[in-house]
Amino acid sequence: MFKLIFLSILPFTLFSKDIVVNYTIEFGIVGEVAKVHSLYKEKDHRYQIDAYVTMVGHLANLATNHLREHHISKGKIVHKKRIATTFEMLKHYGEYKSTTLYRADSKNHKTIKEYTQWKKSTKNVYKQVDYYKANLNYFSNSDMVTLFLNLSQYISHKSKPNHYLFKAMGADAMNGRVDIVIPTKKRAKEMQKLVGKPKKGEWLLHAALHRKIYKSKDGELMVRMGADGIIQKAVLKDIFMYGDVRIIRE
């Protein structure tokens, strides 16, 4: 019922070695349905980001079959930019668990996706029920976490309306496309009603991930980015049957 993809909300400040960020996820009038706990670690020019998604409440757990997710982004740091090498999504729901692993093959300039699914047997042992491996139609050394992490460096004029095109592992399945739009003043005023007015150093953007998030076809998010490089609030507008999805930093 709910397809939970929270990667777009996990950018971290570029100046911290270790940082923890937590978010609350709310659906329309239902209120809180999930928590996100994310941890960034940096050592010897390498980094790792772990994000844990946990459902909250009886309704959310019932609808998602007690879904739990763990997202892992790993890579290296070059000139203060995060260069992703692997991006992994682990899910556990009901009798099933799965792993989706993306690898950036810089040598051959391609992105590799590997998916495995297991099902629990009557003897409480997991048996593999699905597997595939594919070379995708694009190359990127960003994923949906590191892309947002680096946005402050990619976009110099954060209040000047513009349209930017990126590629990221875990975004659009066909070509990894991610669109980032800096809104016009008129559009920014409309967005402020949902994500709040930017404080000093904060800025607004509209992101299209071109993959389903909940019931949203293109995964379009309105975002208020903090001065420290951490998203303060994001809204997925008017999801069918559920109303707005609100992603709020605690």
C-alpha atoms as a PDB file:
ATOM      1  CA  MET A   1       0.000   0.000   0.000  1.00  0.00           C
ATOM      2  CA  PHE A   2       2.769   2.401   0.918  1.00  0.00           C
ATOM      3  CA  LYS A   3       6.047   2.268  -0.977  1.00  0.00           C
ATOM      4  CA  LEU A   4       8.595   3.950   1.248  1.00  0.00           C
ATOM      5  CA  ILE A   5      11.546   5.578  -0.494  1.00  0.00           C
ATOM      6  CA  PHE A   6      13.111   8.086   1.903  1.00  0.00           C
ATOM      7  CA  LEU A   7      16.483   8.540   0.237  1.00  0.00           C
ATOM      8  CA  SER A   8      15.735  11.989  -1.025  1.00  0.00           C
ATOM      9  CA  ILE A   9      15.551  13.372   2.496  1.00  0.00           C
ATOM     10  CA  LEU A  10      18.978  12.458   3.768  1.00  0.00           C
ATOM     11  CA  PRO A  11      21.554  15.134   2.859  1.00  0.00           C
ATOM     12  CA  PHE A  12      24.112  15.978   5.550  1.00  0.00           C
ATOM     13  CA  THR A  13      26.348  18.917   6.296  1.00  0.00           C
ATOM     14  CA  LEU A  14      29.680  18.769   4.476  1.00  0.00           C
ATOM     15  CA  PHE A  15      31.658  19.766   7.551  1.00  0.00           C
ATOM     16  CA  SER A  16      30.746  17.105  10.103  1.00  0.00           C
ATOM     17  CA  LYS A  17      32.612  13.839  10.560  1.00  0.00           C
ATOM     18  CA  ASP A  18      29.749  12.121  12.383  1.00  0.00           C
ATOM     19  CA  ILE A  19      26.157  13.276  12.476  1.00  0.00           C
ATOM     20  CA  VAL A  20      22.739  11.871  13.335  1.00  0.00           C
ATOM     21  CA  VAL A  21      19.537  13.166  11.721  1.00  0.00           C
ATOM     22  CA  ASN A  22      16.006  11.993  12.512  1.00  0.00           C
ATOM     23  CA  TYR A  23      12.776  12.576  10.599  1.00  0.00           C
ATOM     24  CA  THR A  24       9.082  12.042  11.189  1.00  0.00           C
ATOM     25  CA  ILE A  25       6.910  10.977   8.235  1.00  0.00           C
ATOM     26  CA  GLU A  26       3.250  12.053   8.257  1.00  0.00           C
ATOM     27  CA  PHE A  27       0.350  11.130   5.947  1.00  0.00           C
ATOM     28  CA  GLY A  28      -2.510  13.600   5.433  1.00  0.00           C
ATOM     29  CA  ILE A  29      -4.948  13.564   8.344  1.00  0.00           C
ATOM     30  CA  VAL A  30      -3.619  10.206   9.561  1.00  0.00           C
ATOM     31  CA  GLY A  31      -0.594  11.826  11.146  1.00  0.00           C
ATOM     32  CA  GLU A  32       2.686  10.100  11.948  1.00  0.00           C
ATOM     33  CA  VAL A  33       3.266   6.798  10.123  1.00  0.00           C
ATOM     34  CA  ALA A  34       7.033   6.325  10.176  1.00  0.00           C
ATOM     35  CA  LYS A  35      10.361   7.354  11.665  1.00  0.00           C
ATOM     36  CA  VAL A  36      13.704   7.697   9.889  1.00  0.00           C
ATOM     37  CA  HIS A  37      16.956   7.446  11.825  1.00  0.00           C
ATOM     38  CA  SER A  38      20.045   8.277   9.757  1.00  0.00           C
ATOM     39  CA  LEU A  39      23.729   8.217  10.631  1.00  0.00           C
ATOM     40  CA  TYR A  40      26.643   9.683   8.670  1.00  0.00           C
ATOM     41  CA  LYS A  41      30.225   8.538   9.341  1.00  0.00           C
ATOM     42  CA  GLU A  42      33.429   9.722   7.704  1.00  0.00           C
ATOM     43  CA  LYS A  43      36.962   8.332   8.051  1.00  0.00           C
ATOM     44  CA  ASP A  44      40.112   8.371   5.906  1.00  0.00           C
ATOM     45  CA  HIS A  45      38.372  10.024   2.938  1.00  0.00           C
ATOM     46  CA  ARG A  46      35.643   7.377   2.949  1.00  0.00           C
ATOM     47  CA  TYR A  47      32.062   7.804   4.094  1.00  0.00           C
ATOM     48  CA  GLN A  48      29.037   5.686   4.916  1.00  0.00           C
ATOM     49  CA  ILE A  49      25.431   6.718   5.446  1.00  0.00           C
ATOM     50  CA  ASP A  50      22.963   4.374   7.141  1.00  0.00           C
ATOM     51  CA  ALA A  51      19.251   5.201   7.194  1.00  0.00           C
ATOM     52  CA  TYR A  52      16.761   3.080   9.122  1.00  0.00           C
ATOM     53  CA  VAL A  53      13.032   3.330   8.395  1.00  0.00           C
ATOM     54  CA  THR A  54      10.521   2.063  10.957  1.00  0.00           C
ATOM     55  CA  MET A  55       6.732   2.151  10.693  1.00  0.00           C
ATOM     56  CA  VAL A  56       4.769   3.712  13.544  1.00  0.00           C
ATOM     57  CA  GLY A  57       1.267   2.719  14.655  1.00  0.00           C
ATOM     58  CA  HIS A  58      -1.085  -0.167  13.979  1.00  0.00           C
ATOM     59  CA  LEU A  59      -2.507   1.159  10.683  1.00  0.00           C
ATOM     60  CA  ALA A  60       0.883   1.824   9.066  1.00  0.00           C
ATOM     61  CA  ASN A  61       2.259  -1.545  10.150  1.00  0.00           C
ATOM     62  CA  LEU A  62      -0.860  -3.333   8.948  1.00  0.00           C
ATOM     63  CA  ALA A  63      -0.786  -1.575   5.567  1.00  0.00           C
ATOM     64  CA  THR A  64       2.924  -2.298   4.973  1.00  0.00           C
ATOM     65  CA  ASN A  65       3.085  -5.755   6.571  1.00  0.00           C
ATOM     66  CA  HIS A  66       5.425  -4.388   9.259  1.00  0.00           C
ATOM     67  CA  LEU A  67       7.878  -2.966   6.747  1.00  0.00           C
ATOM     68  CA  ARG A  68      11.412  -2.181   7.914  1.00  0.00           C
ATOM     69  CA  GLU A  69      14.089  -0.668   5.679  1.00  0.00           C
ATOM     70  CA  HIS A  70      17.825  -0.070   5.895  1.00  0.00           C
ATOM     71  CA  HIS A  71      19.486   2.077   3.229  1.00  0.00           C
ATOM     72  CA  ILE A  72      23.275   2.149   2.938  1.00  0.00           C
ATOM     73  CA  SER A  73      25.329   4.577   0.863  1.00  0.00           C
ATOM     74  CA  LYS A  74      29.105   4.108   0.667  1.00  0.00           C
ATOM     75  CA  GLY A  75      31.766   6.017  -1.220  1.00  0.00           C
ATOM     76  CA  LYS A  76      34.862   8.186  -1.197  1.00  0.00           C
ATOM     77  CA  ILE A  77      35.458  11.898  -0.673  1.00  0.00           C
ATOM     78  CA  VAL A  78      37.216  13.801  -3.457  1.00  0.00           C
ATOM     79  CA  HIS A  79      37.633  17.586  -3.199  1.00  0.00           C
ATOM     80  CA  LYS A  80      34.913  17.691  -0.496  1.00  0.00           C
ATOM     81  CA  LYS A  81      32.411  15.918  -2.774  1.00  0.00           C
ATOM     82  CA  ARG A  82      30.931  12.523  -1.968  1.00  0.00           C
ATOM     83  CA  ILE A  83      31.468  10.036  -4.807  1.00  0.00           C
ATOM     84  CA  ALA A  84      29.193   7.020  -4.396  1.00  0.00           C
ATOM     85  CA  THR A  85      30.556   3.553  -5.085  1.00  0.00           C
ATOM     86  CA  THR A  86      27.658   1.411  -3.799  1.00  0.00           C
ATOM     87  CA  PHE A  87      24.085   2.060  -2.760  1.00  0.00           C
ATOM     88  CA  GLU A  88      22.015  -0.670  -1.101  1.00  0.00           C
ATOM     89  CA  MET A  89      18.369  -0.953  -0.002  1.00  0.00           C
ATOM     90  CA  LEU A  90      17.423  -3.740   2.393  1.00  0.00           C
ATOM     91  CA  LYS A  91      13.746  -4.394   3.130  1.00  0.00           C
ATOM     92  CA  HIS A  92      11.953  -6.726   5.537  1.00  0.00           C
ATOM     93  CA  TYR A  93       8.174  -7.140   5.269  1.00  0.00           C
ATOM     94  CA  GLY A  94       6.017  -9.993   6.489  1.00  0.00           C
ATOM     95  CA  GLU A  95       7.505 -13.290   5.316  1.00  0.00           C
ATOM     96  CA  TYR A  96       9.804 -11.589   2.812  1.00  0.00           C
ATOM     97  CA  LYS A  97      13.090  -9.745   2.783  1.00  0.00           C
ATOM     98  CA  SER A  98      15.007  -8.289  -0.148  1.00  0.00           C
ATOM     99  CA  THR A  99      18.196  -6.521  -1.105  1.00  0.00           C
ATOM    100  CA  THR A 100      18.671  -4.107  -4.021  1.00  0.00           C
ATOM    101  CA  LEU A 101      22.325  -3.253  -4.633  1.00  0.00           C
ATOM    102  CA  TYR A 102      23.617  -0.625  -7.069  1.00  0.00           C
ATOM    103  CA  ARG A 103      27.315  -0.429  -7.987  1.00  0.00           C
ATOM    104  CA  ALA A 104      29.047   2.371  -9.879  1.00  0.00           C
ATOM    105  CA  ASP A 105      31.536   0.694 -12.223  1.00  0.00           C
ATOM    106  CA  SER A 106      33.786   3.640 -13.064  1.00  0.00           C
ATOM    107  CA  LYS A 107      36.251   1.528 -15.035  1.00  0.00           C
ATOM    108  CA  ASN A 108      33.619   0.348 -17.527  1.00  0.00           C
ATOM    109  CA  HIS A 109      31.440   3.454 -17.131  1.00  0.00           C
ATOM    110  CA  LYS A 110      28.253   1.614 -16.242  1.00  0.00           C
ATOM    111  CA  THR A 111      25.842   1.138 -13.364  1.00  0.00           C
ATOM    112  CA  ILE A 112      25.049  -2.384 -12.188  1.00  0.00           C
ATOM    113  CA  LYS A 113      21.887  -3.361 -10.334  1.00  0.00           C
ATOM    114  CA  GLU A 114      21.503  -6.615  -8.419  1.00  0.00           C
ATOM    115  CA  TYR A 115      18.252  -7.697  -6.751  1.00  0.00           C
ATOM    116  CA  THR A 116      17.631 -10.672  -4.447  1.00  0.00           C
ATOM    117  CA  GLN A 117      14.456 -11.675  -2.605  1.00  0.00           C
ATOM    118  CA  TRP A 118      13.928 -14.342   0.054  1.00  0.00           C
ATOM    119  CA  LYS A 119      10.807 -15.849   1.657  1.00  0.00           C
ATOM    120  CA  LYS A 120      10.570 -17.393   5.107  1.00  0.00           C
ATOM    121  CA  SER A 121       9.639 -21.081   5.107  1.00  0.00           C
ATOM    122  CA  THR A 122       7.464 -22.910   7.608  1.00  0.00           C
ATOM    123  CA  LYS A 123      10.670 -23.891   9.416  1.00  0.00           C
ATOM    124  CA  ASN A 124      11.548 -20.207   9.894  1.00  0.00           C
ATOM    125  CA  VAL A 125      14.364 -20.423   7.336  1.00  0.00           C
ATOM    126  CA  TYR A 126      14.652 -17.955   4.457  1.00  0.00           C
ATOM    127  CA  LYS A 127      14.770 -19.385   0.926  1.00  0.00           C
ATOM    128  CA  GLN A 128      15.757 -17.352  -2.146  1.00  0.00           C
ATOM    129  CA  VAL A 129      12.768 -16.881  -4.457  1.00  0.00           C
ATOM    130  CA  ASP A 130      13.975 -14.221  -6.903  1.00  0.00           C
ATOM    131  CA  TYR A 131      17.245 -12.873  -8.308  1.00  0.00           C
ATOM    132  CA  TYR A 132      18.409 -10.784 -11.232  1.00  0.00           C
ATOM    133  CA  LYS A 133      21.429  -8.739 -12.240  1.00  0.00           C
ATOM    134  CA  ALA A 134      21.444  -6.045 -14.918  1.00  0.00           C
ATOM    135  CA  ASN A 135      23.595  -3.368 -16.499  1.00  0.00           C
ATOM    136  CA  LEU A 136      21.511  -0.191 -16.478  1.00  0.00           C
ATOM    137  CA  ASN A 137      21.270   2.316 -19.321  1.00  0.00           C
ATOM    138  CA  TYR A 138      23.300   5.011 -17.580  1.00  0.00           C
ATOM    139  CA  PHE A 139      26.375   5.643 -15.452  1.00  0.00           C
ATOM    140  CA  SER A 140      26.413   7.703 -12.276  1.00  0.00           C
ATOM    141  CA  ASN A 141      28.728   7.980  -9.309  1.00  0.00           C
ATOM    142  CA  SER A 142      25.926   9.558  -7.273  1.00  0.00           C
ATOM    143  CA  ASP A 143      22.984   7.972  -5.535  1.00  0.00           C
ATOM    144  CA  MET A 144      19.879   9.718  -4.225  1.00  0.00           C
ATOM    145  CA  VAL A 145      21.630  10.400  -0.929  1.00  0.00           C
ATOM    146  CA  THR A 146      24.972  11.729  -2.158  1.00  0.00           C
ATOM    147  CA  LEU A 147      23.348  13.784  -4.905  1.00  0.00           C
ATOM    148  CA  PHE A 148      21.464  15.872  -2.351  1.00  0.00           C
ATOM    149  CA  LEU A 149      24.540  15.881  -0.152  1.00  0.00           C
ATOM    150  CA  ASN A 150      26.490  17.637  -2.909  1.00  0.00           C
ATOM    151  CA  LEU A 151      23.743  19.976  -4.153  1.00  0.00           C
ATOM    152  CA  SER A 152      25.098  23.038  -2.362  1.00  0.00           C
ATOM    153  CA  GLN A 153      28.295  22.655  -4.388  1.00  0.00           C
ATOM    154  CA  TYR A 154      26.520  21.920  -7.666  1.00  0.00           C
ATOM    155  CA  ILE A 155      24.123  24.866  -7.370  1.00  0.00           C
ATOM    156  CA  SER A 156      25.776  28.224  -6.707  1.00  0.00           C
ATOM    157  CA  HIS A 157      22.789  30.564  -7.124  1.00  0.00           C
ATOM    158  CA  LYS A 158      20.188  29.073  -4.821  1.00  0.00           C
ATOM    159  CA  SER A 159      17.609  31.817  -5.238  1.00  0.00           C
ATOM    160  CA  LYS A 160      17.902  32.158  -9.028  1.00  0.00           C
ATOM    161  CA  PRO A 161      15.206  30.196 -10.910  1.00  0.00           C
ATOM    162  CA  ASN A 162      16.794  27.418 -12.925  1.00  0.00           C
ATOM    163  CA  HIS A 163      16.403  23.779 -13.970  1.00  0.00           C
ATOM    164  CA  TYR A 164      19.179  21.248 -13.306  1.00  0.00           C
ATOM    165  CA  LEU A 165      19.410  17.684 -14.598  1.00  0.00           C
ATOM    166  CA  PHE A 166      21.324  14.979 -12.697  1.00  0.00           C
ATOM    167  CA  LYS A 167      21.660  11.200 -12.682  1.00  0.00           C
ATOM    168  CA  ALA A 168      21.631   9.082  -9.535  1.00  0.00           C
ATOM    169  CA  MET A 169      21.555   5.405  -8.628  1.00  0.00           C
ATOM    170  CA  GLY A 170      18.155   4.493  -7.197  1.00  0.00           C
ATOM    171  CA  ALA A 171      16.268   7.212  -9.061  1.00  0.00           C
ATOM    172  CA  ASP A 172      14.447   6.643 -12.376  1.00  0.00           C
ATOM    173  CA  ALA A 173      14.834   2.963 -13.265  1.00  0.00           C
ATOM    174  CA  MET A 174      15.515   3.591 -16.957  1.00  0.00           C
ATOM    175  CA  ASN A 175      18.089   6.380 -16.910  1.00  0.00           C
ATOM    176  CA  GLY A 176      18.639   7.480 -13.300  1.00  0.00           C
ATOM    177  CA  ARG A 177      17.251  10.928 -14.033  1.00  0.00           C
ATOM    178  CA  VAL A 178      16.677  13.493 -11.263  1.00  0.00           C
ATOM    179  CA  ASP A 179      15.349  16.994 -12.007  1.00  0.00           C
ATOM    180  CA  ILE A 180      16.073  19.808  -9.541  1.00  0.00           C
ATOM    181  CA  VAL A 181      14.251  23.110 -10.057  1.00  0.00           C
ATOM    182  CA  ILE A 182      14.899  26.368  -8.220  1.00  0.00           C
ATOM    183  CA  PRO A 183      11.443  28.013  -8.156  1.00  0.00           C
ATOM    184  CA  THR A 184      10.402  31.452  -9.305  1.00  0.00           C
ATOM    185  CA  LYS A 185       9.395  33.972  -6.614  1.00  0.00           C
ATOM    186  CA  LYS A 186       5.720  33.272  -7.286  1.00  0.00           C
ATOM    187  CA  ARG A 187       6.179  29.527  -7.036  1.00  0.00           C
ATOM    188  CA  ALA A 188       8.365  29.903  -3.947  1.00  0.00           C
ATOM    189  CA  LYS A 189       5.560  31.747  -2.122  1.00  0.00           C
ATOM    190  CA  GLU A 190       3.194  28.873  -2.898  1.00  0.00           C
ATOM    191  CA  MET A 191       5.719  26.318  -1.658  1.00  0.00           C
ATOM    192  CA  GLN A 192       6.242  28.220   1.591  1.00  0.00           C
ATOM    193  CA  LYS A 193       2.662  27.468   2.597  1.00  0.00           C
ATOM    194  CA  LEU A 194       3.638  23.792   2.752  1.00  0.00           C
ATOM    195  CA  VAL A 195       7.313  23.665   3.705  1.00  0.00           C
ATOM    196  CA  GLY A 196       7.642  26.923   5.628  1.00  0.00           C
ATOM    197  CA  LYS A 197       9.433  30.192   4.929  1.00  0.00           C
ATOM    198  CA  PRO A 198      13.209  29.824   4.518  1.00  0.00           C
ATOM    199  CA  LYS A 199      15.267  31.234   7.354  1.00  0.00           C
ATOM    200  CA  LYS A 200      18.683  32.826   6.852  1.00  0.00           C
ATOM    201  CA  GLY A 201      20.791  30.626   4.593  1.00  0.00           C
ATOM    202  CA  GLU A 202      17.937  28.237   3.753  1.00  0.00           C
ATOM    203  CA  TRP A 203      16.598  27.719   0.223  1.00  0.00           C
ATOM    204  CA  LEU A 204      13.752  26.059  -1.640  1.00  0.00           C
ATOM    205  CA  LEU A 205      13.839  23.507  -4.427  1.00  0.00           C
ATOM    206  CA  HIS A 206      11.532  21.170  -6.303  1.00  0.00           C
ATOM    207  CA  ALA A 207      12.861  17.658  -6.963  1.00  0.00           C
ATOM    208  CA  ALA A 208      11.489  15.039  -9.375  1.00  0.00           C
ATOM    209  CA  LEU A 209      13.002  11.570  -8.844  1.00  0.00           C
ATOM    210  CA  HIS A 210      10.982   9.918 -11.645  1.00  0.00           C
ATOM    211  CA  ARG A 211      10.067   6.891  -9.593  1.00  0.00           C
ATOM    212  CA  LYS A 212       7.089   6.009  -7.457  1.00  0.00           C
ATOM    213  CA  ILE A 213       7.128   7.298  -3.908  1.00  0.00           C
ATOM    214  CA  TYR A 214       3.979   6.144  -2.147  1.00  0.00           C
ATOM    215  CA  LYS A 215       1.329   6.683  -4.849  1.00  0.00           C
ATOM    216  CA  SER A 216       3.195   9.522  -6.529  1.00  0.00           C
ATOM    217  CA  LYS A 217       4.127   8.557 -10.101  1.00  0.00           C
ATOM    218  CA  ASP A 218       7.175  10.817 -10.494  1.00  0.00           C
ATOM    219  CA  GLY A 219       8.214  11.214  -6.862  1.00  0.00           C
ATOM    220  CA  GLU A 220       7.992  15.017  -6.877  1.00  0.00           C
ATOM    221  CA  LEU A 221       9.068  16.720  -3.661  1.00  0.00           C
ATOM    222  CA  MET A 222       8.889  20.323  -2.491  1.00  0.00           C
ATOM    223  CA  VAL A 223      11.889  20.883  -0.232  1.00  0.00           C
ATOM    224  CA  ARG A 224      13.133  23.488   2.254  1.00  0.00           C
ATOM    225  CA  MET A 225      16.884  22.951   2.531  1.00  0.00           C
ATOM    226  CA  GLY A 226      18.654  24.084   5.691  1.00  0.00           C
ATOM    227  CA  ALA A 227      21.656  26.384   5.772  1.00  0.00           C
ATOM    228  CA  ASP A 228      23.652  23.434   7.137  1.00  0.00           C
ATOM    229  CA  GLY A 229      22.841  21.285   4.086  1.00  0.00           C
ATOM    230  CA  ILE A 230      20.177  19.244   5.883  1.00  0.00           C
ATOM    231  CA  ILE A 231      16.571  19.177   4.672  1.00  0.00           C
ATOM    232  CA  GLN A 232      14.257  20.771   7.211  1.00  0.00           C
ATOM    233  CA  LYS A 233      10.963  19.787   5.613  1.00  0.00           C
ATOM    234  CA  ALA A 234       9.769  18.146   2.396  1.00  0.00           C
ATOM    235  CA  VAL A 235       6.244  17.599   1.087  1.00  0.00           C
ATOM    236  CA  LEU A 236       4.877  15.149  -1.445  1.00  0.00           C
ATOM    237  CA  LYS A 237       1.664  16.888  -2.533  1.00  0.00           C
ATOM    238  CA  ASP A 238      -1.834  15.382  -2.818  1.00  0.00           C
ATOM    239  CA  ILE A 239      -1.126  11.646  -2.922  1.00  0.00           C
ATOM    240  CA  PHE A 240      -4.261   9.770  -4.045  1.00  0.00           C
ATOM    241  CA  MET A 241      -6.420   8.831  -1.063  1.00  0.00           C
ATOM    242  CA  TYR A 242      -3.866   9.997   1.495  1.00  0.00           C
ATOM    243  CA  GLY A 243      -3.438  13.760   1.044  1.00  0.00           C
ATOM    244  CA  ASP A 244       0.012  15.311   1.543  1.00  0.00           C
ATOM    245  CA  VAL A 245       3.009  13.331   2.733  1.00  0.00           C
ATOM    246  CA  ARG A 246       5.119  15.444   5.108  1.00  0.00           C
ATOM    247  CA  ILE A 247       8.758  14.700   5.898  1.00  0.00           C
ATOM    248  CA  ILE A 248       9.826  16.754   8.934  1.00  0.00           C
ATOM    249  CA  ARG A 249      13.197  17.000  10.610  1.00  0.00           C
ATOM    250  CA  GLU A 250      12.954  16.440  14.350  1.00  0.00           C
END
